[in-house]
């Protein structure tokens, strides 16, 4: 287990994380610190706990919106897959029909060629 120091609202916290995750944890803490700083600017000194709760709610709101967008994109992607599959099936059917027509035409031409010989 690795350890890293992060700073949120001017206070340092020592945290444990998996090896190799230190930079990621520092980055996440920095983003949370930005939320806290934004709230502090907007509301002033309203208490550490309240600032932390409000920042957490803001993060959860962003997560919720991202999850909604992901669901919409997944739905759109599935619709595109179905459209693609239908188009491929239609193209395959058209290809089969064209192949049949070409085979018939080739047979007719072969019959005409044999009559001419």
PDB file of N, CA and C in Angstrom:
ATOM      1  N   UNK A   1       0.855  -1.169   0.000  1.00  0.00           N
ATOM      2  CA  UNK A   1       0.000   0.000   0.000  1.00  0.00           C
ATOM      3  C   UNK A   1       0.907   1.241   0.000  1.00  0.00           C
ATOM      4  N   UNK A   2       0.657   2.139  -0.937  1.00  0.00           N
ATOM      5  CA  UNK A   2       1.411   3.397  -0.997  1.00  0.00           C
ATOM      6  C   UNK A   2       0.678   4.459  -0.201  1.00  0.00           C
ATOM      7  N   UNK A   3       1.395   5.526   0.105  1.00  0.00           N
ATOM      8  CA  UNK A   3       0.785   6.650   0.805  1.00  0.00           C
ATOM      9  C   UNK A   3       1.151   7.926   0.077  1.00  0.00           C
ATOM     10  N   UNK A   4       0.250   8.888   0.157  1.00  0.00           N
ATOM     11  CA  UNK A   4       0.456  10.164  -0.515  1.00  0.00           C
ATOM     12  C   UNK A   4      -0.194  11.252   0.324  1.00  0.00           C
ATOM     13  N   UNK A   5       0.363  12.448   0.276  1.00  0.00           N
ATOM     14  CA  UNK A   5      -0.232  13.596   0.957  1.00  0.00           C
ATOM     15  C   UNK A   5      -1.016  14.407  -0.061  1.00  0.00           C
ATOM     16  N   UNK A   6      -2.260  14.726   0.270  1.00  0.00           N
ATOM     17  CA  UNK A   6      -3.087  15.583  -0.580  1.00  0.00           C
ATOM     18  C   UNK A   6      -3.504  16.794   0.228  1.00  0.00           C
ATOM     19  N   UNK A   7      -3.799  17.880  -0.467  1.00  0.00           N
ATOM     20  CA  UNK A   7      -4.203  19.110   0.199  1.00  0.00           C
ATOM     21  C   UNK A   7      -5.578  19.521  -0.298  1.00  0.00           C
ATOM     22  N   UNK A   8      -6.481  19.706   0.656  1.00  0.00           N
ATOM     23  CA  UNK A   8      -7.832  20.169   0.348  1.00  0.00           C
ATOM     24  C   UNK A   8      -8.140  21.309   1.304  1.00  0.00           C
ATOM     25  N   UNK A   9      -8.502  22.446   0.725  1.00  0.00           N
ATOM     26  CA  UNK A   9      -8.827  23.642   1.509  1.00  0.00           C
ATOM     27  C   UNK A   9      -7.678  24.012   2.453  1.00  0.00           C
ATOM     28  N   UNK A  10      -6.456  23.887   1.947  1.00  0.00           N
ATOM     29  CA  UNK A  10      -5.293  24.288   2.723  1.00  0.00           C
ATOM     30  C   UNK A  10      -4.876  23.308   3.800  1.00  0.00           C
ATOM     31  N   UNK A  11      -5.570  22.203   3.903  1.00  0.00           N
ATOM     32  CA  UNK A  11      -5.240  21.206   4.922  1.00  0.00           C
ATOM     33  C   UNK A  11      -4.655  19.977   4.240  1.00  0.00           C
ATOM     34  N   UNK A  12      -3.611  19.433   4.852  1.00  0.00           N
ATOM     35  CA  UNK A  12      -2.940  18.273   4.289  1.00  0.00           C
ATOM     36  C   UNK A  12      -3.497  16.996   4.910  1.00  0.00           C
ATOM     37  N   UNK A  13      -3.727  16.003   4.044  1.00  0.00           N
ATOM     38  CA  UNK A  13      -4.243  14.711   4.488  1.00  0.00           C
ATOM     39  C   UNK A  13      -3.334  13.608   3.924  1.00  0.00           C
ATOM     40  N   UNK A  14      -2.933  12.698   4.786  1.00  0.00           N
ATOM     41  CA  UNK A  14      -2.141  11.550   4.354  1.00  0.00           C
ATOM     42  C   UNK A  14      -3.115  10.418   4.025  1.00  0.00           C
ATOM     43  N   UNK A  15      -2.998   9.882   2.792  1.00  0.00           N
ATOM     44  CA  UNK A  15      -3.947   8.877   2.341  1.00  0.00           C
ATOM     45  C   UNK A  15      -3.200   7.675   1.781  1.00  0.00           C
ATOM     46  N   UNK A  16      -3.794   6.515   1.928  1.00  0.00           N
ATOM     47  CA  UNK A  16      -3.250   5.292   1.362  1.00  0.00           C
ATOM     48  C   UNK A  16      -3.910   5.022   0.015  1.00  0.00           C
ATOM     49  N   UNK A  17      -3.144   4.390  -0.871  1.00  0.00           N
ATOM     50  CA  UNK A  17      -3.683   4.016  -2.172  1.00  0.00           C
ATOM     51  C   UNK A  17      -2.857   2.850  -2.714  1.00  0.00           C
ATOM     52  N   UNK A  18      -3.365   2.251  -3.773  1.00  0.00           N
ATOM     53  CA  UNK A  18      -2.629   1.170  -4.420  1.00  0.00           C
ATOM     54  C   UNK A  18      -1.376   1.731  -5.084  1.00  0.00           C
ATOM     55  N   UNK A  19      -0.324   0.946  -5.148  1.00  0.00           N
ATOM     56  CA  UNK A  19       0.896   1.403  -5.820  1.00  0.00           C
ATOM     57  C   UNK A  19       0.603   1.822  -7.259  1.00  0.00           C
ATOM     58  N   UNK A  20       1.158   2.931  -7.666  1.00  0.00           N
ATOM     59  CA  UNK A  20       0.939   3.451  -9.013  1.00  0.00           C
ATOM     60  C   UNK A  20      -0.251   4.383  -9.121  1.00  0.00           C
ATOM     61  N   UNK A  21      -1.041   4.513  -8.065  1.00  0.00           N
ATOM     62  CA  UNK A  21      -2.239   5.357  -8.093  1.00  0.00           C
ATOM     63  C   UNK A  21      -2.021   6.710  -7.418  1.00  0.00           C
ATOM     64  N   UNK A  22      -0.787   6.973  -7.004  1.00  0.00           N
ATOM     65  CA  UNK A  22      -0.504   8.195  -6.242  1.00  0.00           C
ATOM     66  C   UNK A  22      -0.877   9.457  -7.019  1.00  0.00           C
ATOM     67  N   UNK A  23      -0.429   9.562  -8.271  1.00  0.00           N
ATOM     68  CA  UNK A  23      -0.716  10.764  -9.067  1.00  0.00           C
ATOM     69  C   UNK A  23      -2.215  10.930  -9.303  1.00  0.00           C
ATOM     70  N   UNK A  24      -2.884   9.822  -9.518  1.00  0.00           N
ATOM     71  CA  UNK A  24      -4.337   9.879  -9.739  1.00  0.00           C
ATOM     72  C   UNK A  24      -5.054  10.399  -8.493  1.00  0.00           C
ATOM     73  N   UNK A  25      -4.644   9.929  -7.330  1.00  0.00           N
ATOM     74  CA  UNK A  25      -5.249  10.374  -6.072  1.00  0.00           C
ATOM     75  C   UNK A  25      -4.990  11.860  -5.848  1.00  0.00           C
ATOM     76  N   UNK A  26      -3.774  12.311  -6.136  1.00  0.00           N
ATOM     77  CA  UNK A  26      -3.445  13.734  -5.995  1.00  0.00           C
ATOM     78  C   UNK A  26      -4.307  14.569  -6.941  1.00  0.00           C
ATOM     79  N   UNK A  27      -4.506  14.061  -8.178  1.00  0.00           N
ATOM     80  CA  UNK A  27      -5.340  14.773  -9.151  1.00  0.00           C
ATOM     81  C   UNK A  27      -6.794  14.856  -8.674  1.00  0.00           C
ATOM     82  N   UNK A  28      -7.326  13.758  -8.162  1.00  0.00           N
ATOM     83  CA  UNK A  28      -8.709  13.754  -7.657  1.00  0.00           C
ATOM     84  C   UNK A  28      -8.867  14.723  -6.494  1.00  0.00           C
ATOM     85  N   UNK A  29      -7.902  14.706  -5.589  1.00  0.00           N
ATOM     86  CA  UNK A  29      -7.954  15.626  -4.442  1.00  0.00           C
ATOM     87  C   UNK A  29      -7.891  17.070  -4.922  1.00  0.00           C
ATOM     88  N   UNK A  30      -7.090  17.323  -5.946  1.00  0.00           N
ATOM     89  CA  UNK A  30      -7.008  18.673  -6.502  1.00  0.00           C
ATOM     90  C   UNK A  30      -8.333  19.135  -7.086  1.00  0.00           C
ATOM     91  N   UNK A  31      -9.033  18.221  -7.743  1.00  0.00           N
ATOM     92  CA  UNK A  31     -10.346  18.568  -8.297  1.00  0.00           C
ATOM     93  C   UNK A  31     -11.345  18.853  -7.181  1.00  0.00           C
ATOM     94  N   UNK A  32     -11.315  18.031  -6.117  1.00  0.00           N
ATOM     95  CA  UNK A  32     -12.206  18.278  -4.977  1.00  0.00           C
ATOM     96  C   UNK A  32     -11.868  19.615  -4.332  1.00  0.00           C
ATOM     97  N   UNK A  33     -10.588  19.922  -4.236  1.00  0.00           N
ATOM     98  CA  UNK A  33     -10.147  21.201  -3.677  1.00  0.00           C
ATOM     99  C   UNK A  33     -10.708  22.368  -4.490  1.00  0.00           C
ATOM    100  N   UNK A  34     -10.799  22.210  -5.812  1.00  0.00           N
ATOM    101  CA  UNK A  34     -11.376  23.257  -6.664  1.00  0.00           C
ATOM    102  C   UNK A  34     -12.852  23.476  -6.338  1.00  0.00           C
ATOM    103  N   UNK A  35     -13.573  22.398  -6.102  1.00  0.00           N
ATOM    104  CA  UNK A  35     -14.980  22.521  -5.718  1.00  0.00           C
ATOM    105  C   UNK A  35     -15.101  23.267  -4.394  1.00  0.00           C
ATOM    106  N   UNK A  36     -14.300  22.880  -3.435  1.00  0.00           N
ATOM    107  CA  UNK A  36     -14.352  23.517  -2.115  1.00  0.00           C
ATOM    108  C   UNK A  36     -14.005  24.995  -2.246  1.00  0.00           C
ATOM    109  N   UNK A  37     -12.971  25.308  -3.029  1.00  0.00           N
ATOM    110  CA  UNK A  37     -12.580  26.715  -3.221  1.00  0.00           C
ATOM    111  C   UNK A  37     -13.700  27.508  -3.883  1.00  0.00           C
ATOM    112  N   UNK A  38     -14.349  26.904  -4.868  1.00  0.00           N
ATOM    113  CA  UNK A  38     -15.475  27.572  -5.540  1.00  0.00           C
ATOM    114  C   UNK A  38     -16.602  27.867  -4.545  1.00  0.00           C
ATOM    115  N   UNK A  39     -16.938  26.878  -3.742  1.00  0.00           N
ATOM    116  CA  UNK A  39     -18.011  27.060  -2.762  1.00  0.00           C
ATOM    117  C   UNK A  39     -17.625  28.092  -1.710  1.00  0.00           C
ATOM    118  N   UNK A  40     -16.374  28.076  -1.314  1.00  0.00           N
ATOM    119  CA  UNK A  40     -15.901  29.033  -0.313  1.00  0.00           C
ATOM    120  C   UNK A  40     -16.004  30.454  -0.853  1.00  0.00           C
ATOM    121  N   UNK A  41     -15.680  30.615  -2.126  1.00  0.00           N
ATOM    122  CA  UNK A  41     -15.791  31.931  -2.758  1.00  0.00           C
ATOM    123  C   UNK A  41     -17.255  32.364  -2.828  1.00  0.00           C
ATOM    124  N   UNK A  42     -18.122  31.417  -3.168  1.00  0.00           N
ATOM    125  CA  UNK A  42     -19.539  31.737  -3.333  1.00  0.00           C
ATOM    126  C   UNK A  42     -20.249  31.970  -2.007  1.00  0.00           C
ATOM    127  N   UNK A  43     -19.897  31.192  -0.959  1.00  0.00           N
ATOM    128  CA  UNK A  43     -20.658  31.243   0.289  1.00  0.00           C
ATOM    129  C   UNK A  43     -19.865  31.730   1.493  1.00  0.00           C
ATOM    130  N   UNK A  44     -18.563  31.898   1.336  1.00  0.00           N
ATOM    131  CA  UNK A  44     -17.743  32.324   2.467  1.00  0.00           C
ATOM    132  C   UNK A  44     -17.447  31.166   3.400  1.00  0.00           C
ATOM    133  N   UNK A  45     -17.011  31.495   4.587  1.00  0.00           N
ATOM    134  CA  UNK A  45     -16.669  30.479   5.594  1.00  0.00           C
ATOM    135  C   UNK A  45     -17.958  29.948   6.219  1.00  0.00           C
ATOM    136  N   UNK A  46     -18.370  28.773   5.771  1.00  0.00           N
ATOM    137  CA  UNK A  46     -19.607  28.193   6.309  1.00  0.00           C
ATOM    138  C   UNK A  46     -19.322  26.886   7.049  1.00  0.00           C
ATOM    139  N   UNK A  47     -18.060  26.619   7.263  1.00  0.00           N
ATOM    140  CA  UNK A  47     -17.681  25.417   8.003  1.00  0.00           C
ATOM    141  C   UNK A  47     -17.146  24.334   7.087  1.00  0.00           C
ATOM    142  N   UNK A  48     -16.091  23.682   7.562  1.00  0.00           N
ATOM    143  CA  UNK A  48     -15.434  22.647   6.760  1.00  0.00           C
ATOM    144  C   UNK A  48     -16.381  21.512   6.392  1.00  0.00           C
ATOM    145  N   UNK A  49     -17.136  21.057   7.340  1.00  0.00           N
ATOM    146  CA  UNK A  49     -18.018  19.918   7.086  1.00  0.00           C
ATOM    147  C   UNK A  49     -19.076  20.271   6.050  1.00  0.00           C
ATOM    148  N   UNK A  50     -19.650  21.435   6.187  1.00  0.00           N
ATOM    149  CA  UNK A  50     -20.685  21.857   5.232  1.00  0.00           C
ATOM    150  C   UNK A  50     -20.091  22.033   3.834  1.00  0.00           C
ATOM    151  N   UNK A  51     -18.889  22.638   3.755  1.00  0.00           N
ATOM    152  CA  UNK A  51     -18.229  22.793   2.454  1.00  0.00           C
ATOM    153  C   UNK A  51     -17.954  21.430   1.813  1.00  0.00           C
ATOM    154  N   UNK A  52     -17.493  20.494   2.626  1.00  0.00           N
ATOM    155  CA  UNK A  52     -17.186  19.166   2.116  1.00  0.00           C
ATOM    156  C   UNK A  52     -18.452  18.464   1.621  1.00  0.00           C
ATOM    157  N   UNK A  53     -19.532  18.575   2.380  1.00  0.00           N
ATOM    158  CA  UNK A  53     -20.800  17.958   1.971  1.00  0.00           C
ATOM    159  C   UNK A  53     -21.303  18.594   0.679  1.00  0.00           C
ATOM    160  N   UNK A  54     -21.252  19.905   0.596  1.00  0.00           N
ATOM    161  CA  UNK A  54     -21.715  20.589  -0.609  1.00  0.00           C
ATOM    162  C   UNK A  54     -20.855  20.211  -1.814  1.00  0.00           C
ATOM    163  N   UNK A  55     -19.550  20.134  -1.631  1.00  0.00           N
ATOM    164  CA  UNK A  55     -18.655  19.737  -2.728  1.00  0.00           C
ATOM    165  C   UNK A  55     -18.963  18.303  -3.150  1.00  0.00           C
ATOM    166  N   UNK A  56     -19.195  17.425  -2.177  1.00  0.00           N
ATOM    167  CA  UNK A  56     -19.550  16.043  -2.492  1.00  0.00           C
ATOM    168  C   UNK A  56     -20.839  15.962  -3.281  1.00  0.00           C
ATOM    169  N   UNK A  57     -21.811  16.762  -2.921  1.00  0.00           N
ATOM    170  CA  UNK A  57     -23.089  16.783  -3.649  1.00  0.00           C
ATOM    171  C   UNK A  57     -22.883  17.282  -5.077  1.00  0.00           C
ATOM    172  N   UNK A  58     -22.030  18.297  -5.243  1.00  0.00           N
ATOM    173  CA  UNK A  58     -21.731  18.793  -6.589  1.00  0.00           C
ATOM    174  C   UNK A  58     -21.080  17.693  -7.436  1.00  0.00           C
ATOM    175  N   UNK A  59     -20.150  16.976  -6.852  1.00  0.00           N
ATOM    176  CA  UNK A  59     -19.484  15.890  -7.572  1.00  0.00           C
ATOM    177  C   UNK A  59     -20.498  14.806  -7.934  1.00  0.00           C
ATOM    178  N   UNK A  60     -21.360  14.453  -7.006  1.00  0.00           N
ATOM    179  CA  UNK A  60     -22.375  13.433  -7.273  1.00  0.00           C
ATOM    180  C   UNK A  60     -23.345  13.894  -8.360  1.00  0.00           C
ATOM    181  N   UNK A  61     -23.661  15.196  -8.389  1.00  0.00           N
ATOM    182  CA  UNK A  61     -24.532  15.729  -9.434  1.00  0.00           C
ATOM    183  C   UNK A  61     -23.864  15.572 -10.799  1.00  0.00           C
ATOM    184  N   UNK A  62     -22.579  15.893 -10.875  1.00  0.00           N
ATOM    185  CA  UNK A  62     -21.853  15.719 -12.139  1.00  0.00           C
ATOM    186  C   UNK A  62     -21.816  14.250 -12.545  1.00  0.00           C
ATOM    187  N   UNK A  63     -21.587  13.375 -11.586  1.00  0.00           N
ATOM    188  CA  UNK A  63     -21.569  11.945 -11.866  1.00  0.00           C
ATOM    189  C   UNK A  63     -22.923  11.485 -12.382  1.00  0.00           C
ATOM    190  N   UNK A  64     -23.988  11.951 -11.750  1.00  0.00           N
ATOM    191  CA  UNK A  64     -25.343  11.595 -12.159  1.00  0.00           C
ATOM    192  C   UNK A  64     -25.599  12.041 -13.600  1.00  0.00           C
ATOM    193  N   UNK A  65     -25.213  13.264 -13.937  1.00  0.00           N
ATOM    194  CA  UNK A  65     -25.403  13.777 -15.299  1.00  0.00           C
ATOM    195  C   UNK A  65     -24.573  12.973 -16.298  1.00  0.00           C
ATOM    196  N   UNK A  66     -23.354  12.619 -15.918  1.00  0.00           N
ATOM    197  CA  UNK A  66     -22.503  11.815 -16.804  1.00  0.00           C
ATOM    198  C   UNK A  66     -23.129  10.446 -17.034  1.00  0.00           C
ATOM    199  N   UNK A  67     -23.691   9.847 -15.991  1.00  0.00           N
ATOM    200  CA  UNK A  67     -24.341   8.543 -16.134  1.00  0.00           C
ATOM    201  C   UNK A  67     -25.554   8.632 -17.055  1.00  0.00           C
ATOM    202  N   UNK A  68     -26.312   9.725 -16.956  1.00  0.00           N
ATOM    203  CA  UNK A  68     -27.456   9.915 -17.855  1.00  0.00           C
ATOM    204  C   UNK A  68     -26.984  10.014 -19.302  1.00  0.00           C
ATOM    205  N   UNK A  69     -25.908  10.795 -19.524  1.00  0.00           N
ATOM    206  CA  UNK A  69     -25.380  10.938 -20.887  1.00  0.00           C
ATOM    207  C   UNK A  69     -24.877   9.602 -21.418  1.00  0.00           C
ATOM    208  N   UNK A  70     -24.253   8.817 -20.560  1.00  0.00           N
ATOM    209  CA  UNK A  70     -23.759   7.494 -20.971  1.00  0.00           C
ATOM    210  C   UNK A  70     -24.928   6.610 -21.392  1.00  0.00           C
ATOM    211  N   UNK A  71     -26.021   6.617 -20.611  1.00  0.00           N
ATOM    212  CA  UNK A  71     -27.195   5.804 -20.956  1.00  0.00           C
ATOM    213  C   UNK A  71     -27.760   6.227 -22.314  1.00  0.00           C
ATOM    214  N   UNK A  72     -27.838   7.534 -22.553  1.00  0.00           N
ATOM    215  CA  UNK A  72     -28.340   8.039 -23.841  1.00  0.00           C
ATOM    216  C   UNK A  72     -27.421   7.579 -24.966  1.00  0.00           C
ATOM    217  N   UNK A  73     -26.117   7.698 -24.761  1.00  0.00           N
ATOM    218  CA  UNK A  73     -25.169   7.279 -25.786  1.00  0.00           C
ATOM    219  C   UNK A  73     -25.235   5.773 -26.030  1.00  0.00           C
ATOM    220  N   UNK A  74     -25.429   4.995 -24.972  1.00  0.00           N
ATOM    221  CA  UNK A  74     -25.561   3.545 -25.136  1.00  0.00           C
ATOM    222  C   UNK A  74     -26.808   3.204 -25.939  1.00  0.00           C
ATOM    223  N   UNK A  75     -27.908   3.910 -25.671  1.00  0.00           N
ATOM    224  CA  UNK A  75     -29.154   3.700 -26.413  1.00  0.00           C
ATOM    225  C   UNK A  75     -28.960   4.074 -27.878  1.00  0.00           C
ATOM    226  N   UNK A  76     -28.319   5.222 -28.112  1.00  0.00           N
ATOM    227  CA  UNK A  76     -28.044   5.649 -29.489  1.00  0.00           C
ATOM    228  C   UNK A  76     -27.149   4.643 -30.201  1.00  0.00           C
ATOM    229  N   UNK A  77     -26.145   4.142 -29.501  1.00  0.00           N
ATOM    230  CA  UNK A  77     -25.219   3.183 -30.091  1.00  0.00           C
ATOM    231  C   UNK A  77     -25.950   1.888 -30.469  1.00  0.00           C
ATOM    232  N   UNK A  78     -26.840   1.438 -29.606  1.00  0.00           N
ATOM    233  CA  UNK A  78     -27.604   0.220 -29.905  1.00  0.00           C
ATOM    234  C   UNK A  78     -28.502   0.434 -31.120  1.00  0.00           C
ATOM    235  N   UNK A  79     -29.129   1.612 -31.206  1.00  0.00           N
ATOM    236  CA  UNK A  79     -29.973   1.913 -32.366  1.00  0.00           C
ATOM    237  C   UNK A  79     -29.130   1.930 -33.642  1.00  0.00           C
ATOM    238  N   UNK A  80     -27.930   2.495 -33.564  1.00  0.00           N
ATOM    239  CA  UNK A  80     -27.043   2.512 -34.733  1.00  0.00           C
ATOM    240  C   UNK A  80     -26.610   1.090 -35.119  1.00  0.00           C
ATOM    241  N   UNK A  81     -26.348   0.253 -34.128  1.00  0.00           N
ATOM    242  CA  UNK A  81     -25.983  -1.140 -34.415  1.00  0.00           C
ATOM    243  C   UNK A  81     -27.129  -1.857 -35.133  1.00  0.00           C
ATOM    244  N   UNK A  82     -28.355  -1.643 -34.657  1.00  0.00           N
ATOM    245  CA  UNK A  82     -29.503  -2.295 -35.281  1.00  0.00           C
ATOM    246  C   UNK A  82     -29.696  -1.798 -36.711  1.00  0.00           C
ATOM    247  N   UNK A  83     -29.505  -0.498 -36.913  1.00  0.00           N
ATOM    248  CA  UNK A  83     -29.614   0.073 -38.258  1.00  0.00           C
ATOM    249  C   UNK A  83     -28.537  -0.509 -39.170  1.00  0.00           C
ATOM    250  N   UNK A  84     -27.316  -0.607 -38.638  1.00  0.00           N
ATOM    251  CA  UNK A  84     -26.216  -1.185 -39.414  1.00  0.00           C
ATOM    252  C   UNK A  84     -26.518  -2.631 -39.780  1.00  0.00           C
ATOM    253  N   UNK A  85     -26.978  -3.410 -38.807  1.00  0.00           N
ATOM    254  CA  UNK A  85     -27.264  -4.820 -39.060  1.00  0.00           C
ATOM    255  C   UNK A  85     -28.361  -4.976 -40.102  1.00  0.00           C
ATOM    256  N   UNK A  86     -29.387  -4.140 -40.010  1.00  0.00           N
ATOM    257  CA  UNK A  86     -30.480  -4.206 -40.991  1.00  0.00           C
ATOM    258  C   UNK A  86     -29.966  -3.831 -42.376  1.00  0.00           C
ATOM    259  N   UNK A  87     -29.108  -2.815 -42.445  1.00  0.00           N
ATOM    260  CA  UNK A  87     -28.557  -2.397 -43.740  1.00  0.00           C
ATOM    261  C   UNK A  87     -27.663  -3.487 -44.328  1.00  0.00           C
ATOM    262  N   UNK A  88     -26.871  -4.136 -43.473  1.00  0.00           N
ATOM    263  CA  UNK A  88     -26.014  -5.226 -43.956  1.00  0.00           C
ATOM    264  C   UNK A  88     -26.850  -6.397 -44.455  1.00  0.00           C
ATOM    265  N   UNK A  89     -27.930  -6.704 -43.740  1.00  0.00           N
ATOM    266  CA  UNK A  89     -28.810  -7.796 -44.163  1.00  0.00           C
ATOM    267  C   UNK A  89     -29.463  -7.453 -45.501  1.00  0.00           C
ATOM    268  N   UNK A  90     -29.933  -6.210 -45.626  1.00  0.00           N
ATOM    269  CA  UNK A  90     -30.569  -5.773 -46.868  1.00  0.00           C
ATOM    270  C   UNK A  90     -29.566  -5.810 -48.022  1.00  0.00           C
ATOM    271  N   UNK A  91     -28.334  -5.367 -47.746  1.00  0.00           N
ATOM    272  CA  UNK A  91     -27.295  -5.396 -48.776  1.00  0.00           C
ATOM    273  C   UNK A  91     -26.970  -6.836 -49.161  1.00  0.00           C
ATOM    274  N   UNK A  92     -26.939  -7.717 -48.167  1.00  0.00           N
ATOM    275  CA  UNK A  92     -26.682  -9.128 -48.448  1.00  0.00           C
ATOM    276  C   UNK A  92     -27.777  -9.728 -49.304  1.00  0.00           C
ATOM    277  N   UNK A  93     -29.023  -9.385 -48.976  1.00  0.00           N
ATOM    278  CA  UNK A  93     -30.159  -9.885 -49.776  1.00  0.00           C
ATOM    279  C   UNK A  93     -30.104  -9.341 -51.199  1.00  0.00           C
ATOM    280  N   UNK A  94     -29.755  -8.057 -51.327  1.00  0.00           N
ATOM    281  CA  UNK A  94     -29.652  -7.448 -52.659  1.00  0.00           C
ATOM    282  C   UNK A  94     -28.516  -8.101 -53.435  1.00  0.00           C
ATOM    283  N   UNK A  95     -27.425  -8.400 -52.747  1.00  0.00           N
ATOM    284  CA  UNK A  95     -26.291  -9.069 -53.387  1.00  0.00           C
ATOM    285  C   UNK A  95     -26.697 -10.455 -53.882  1.00  0.00           C
ATOM    286  N   UNK A  96     -27.447 -11.176 -53.049  1.00  0.00           N
ATOM    287  CA  UNK A  96     -27.918 -12.510 -53.451  1.00  0.00           C
ATOM    288  C   UNK A  96     -28.833 -12.413 -54.678  1.00  0.00           C
ATOM    289  N   UNK A  97     -29.724 -11.419 -54.679  1.00  0.00           N
ATOM    290  CA  UNK A  97     -30.648 -11.250 -55.805  1.00  0.00           C
ATOM    291  C   UNK A  97     -29.871 -10.884 -57.070  1.00  0.00           C
ATOM    292  N   UNK A  98     -28.909 -10.012 -56.958  1.00  0.00           N
ATOM    293  CA  UNK A  98     -28.100  -9.603 -58.106  1.00  0.00           C
ATOM    294  C   UNK A  98     -27.296 -10.785 -58.635  1.00  0.00           C
ATOM    295  N   UNK A  99     -26.743 -11.568 -57.721  1.00  0.00           N
ATOM    296  CA  UNK A  99     -25.991 -12.759 -58.140  1.00  0.00           C
ATOM    297  C   UNK A  99     -26.906 -13.704 -58.914  1.00  0.00           C
ATOM    298  N   UNK A 100     -28.105 -13.903 -58.447  1.00  0.00           N
ATOM    299  CA  UNK A 100     -29.064 -14.759 -59.150  1.00  0.00           C
ATOM    300  C   UNK A 100     -29.377 -14.229 -60.530  1.00  0.00           C
ATOM    301  N   UNK A 101     -29.596 -12.930 -60.647  1.00  0.00           N
ATOM    302  CA  UNK A 101     -29.895 -12.323 -61.943  1.00  0.00           C
ATOM    303  C   UNK A 101     -28.720 -12.464 -62.900  1.00  0.00           C
ATOM    304  N   UNK A 102     -27.501 -12.271 -62.373  1.00  0.00           N
ATOM    305  CA  UNK A 102     -26.313 -12.410 -63.219  1.00  0.00           C
ATOM    306  C   UNK A 102     -26.135 -13.854 -63.689  1.00  0.00           C
ATOM    307  N   UNK A 103     -26.413 -14.809 -62.807  1.00  0.00           N
ATOM    308  CA  UNK A 103     -26.321 -16.222 -63.190  1.00  0.00           C
ATOM    309  C   UNK A 103     -27.336 -16.550 -64.281  1.00  0.00           C
ATOM    310  N   UNK A 104     -28.557 -16.023 -64.152  1.00  0.00           N
ATOM    311  CA  UNK A 104     -29.585 -16.235 -65.182  1.00  0.00           C
ATOM    312  C   UNK A 104     -29.150 -15.615 -66.505  1.00  0.00           C
ATOM    313  N   UNK A 105     -28.628 -14.407 -66.446  1.00  0.00           N
ATOM    314  CA  UNK A 105     -28.179 -13.721 -67.661  1.00  0.00           C
ATOM    315  C   UNK A 105     -27.026 -14.494 -68.311  1.00  0.00           C
ATOM    316  N   UNK A 106     -26.097 -14.984 -67.477  1.00  0.00           N
ATOM    317  CA  UNK A 106     -24.969 -15.757 -68.010  1.00  0.00           C
ATOM    318  C   UNK A 106     -25.474 -17.031 -68.685  1.00  0.00           C
ATOM    319  N   UNK A 107     -26.453 -17.670 -68.086  1.00  0.00           N
ATOM    320  CA  UNK A 107     -27.008 -18.898 -68.673  1.00  0.00           C
ATOM    321  C   UNK A 107     -27.675 -18.591 -70.016  1.00  0.00           C
ATOM    322  N   UNK A 108     -28.407 -17.489 -70.087  1.00  0.00           N
ATOM    323  CA  UNK A 108     -29.065 -17.097 -71.344  1.00  0.00           C
ATOM    324  C   UNK A 108     -28.033 -16.795 -72.419  1.00  0.00           C
ATOM    325  N   UNK A 109     -26.981 -16.053 -72.030  1.00  0.00           N
ATOM    326  CA  UNK A 109     -25.929 -15.720 -72.994  1.00  0.00           C
ATOM    327  C   UNK A 109     -25.213 -16.982 -73.476  1.00  0.00           C
ATOM    328  N   UNK A 110     -25.008 -17.915 -72.563  1.00  0.00           N
ATOM    329  CA  UNK A 110     -24.368 -19.175 -72.937  1.00  0.00           C
ATOM    330  C   UNK A 110     -25.254 -19.952 -73.918  1.00  0.00           C
ATOM    331  N   UNK A 111     -26.557 -19.922 -73.669  1.00  0.00           N
ATOM    332  CA  UNK A 111     -27.499 -20.588 -74.580  1.00  0.00           C
ATOM    333  C   UNK A 111     -27.479 -19.938 -75.962  1.00  0.00           C
ATOM    334  N   UNK A 112     -27.438 -18.627 -76.000  1.00  0.00           N
ATOM    335  CA  UNK A 112     -27.403 -17.902 -77.285  1.00  0.00           C
ATOM    336  C   UNK A 112     -26.093 -18.208 -77.997  1.00  0.00           C
ATOM    337  N   UNK A 113     -24.991 -18.213 -77.246  1.00  0.00           N
ATOM    338  CA  UNK A 113     -23.681 -18.489 -77.845  1.00  0.00           C
ATOM    339  C   UNK A 113     -23.629 -19.884 -78.435  1.00  0.00           C
ATOM    340  N   UNK A 114     -24.256 -20.858 -77.779  1.00  0.00           N
ATOM    341  CA  UNK A 114     -24.258 -22.236 -78.278  1.00  0.00           C
ATOM    342  C   UNK A 114     -25.093 -22.348 -79.571  1.00  0.00           C
ATOM    343  N   UNK A 115     -26.156 -21.552 -79.680  1.00  0.00           N
ATOM    344  CA  UNK A 115     -26.988 -21.572 -80.868  1.00  0.00           C
ATOM    345  C   UNK A 115     -26.223 -20.976 -82.049  1.00  0.00           C
ATOM    346  N   UNK A 116     -25.348 -19.999 -81.779  1.00  0.00           N
ATOM    347  CA  UNK A 116     -24.615 -19.344 -82.824  1.00  0.00           C
ATOM    348  C   UNK A 116     -23.461 -20.205 -83.349  1.00  0.00           C
ATOM    349  N   UNK A 117     -23.025 -21.132 -82.548  1.00  0.00           N
ATOM    350  CA  UNK A 117     -21.898 -21.988 -82.951  1.00  0.00           C
ATOM    351  C   UNK A 117     -22.315 -23.126 -83.811  1.00  0.00           C
TER     352      UNK A 117
END
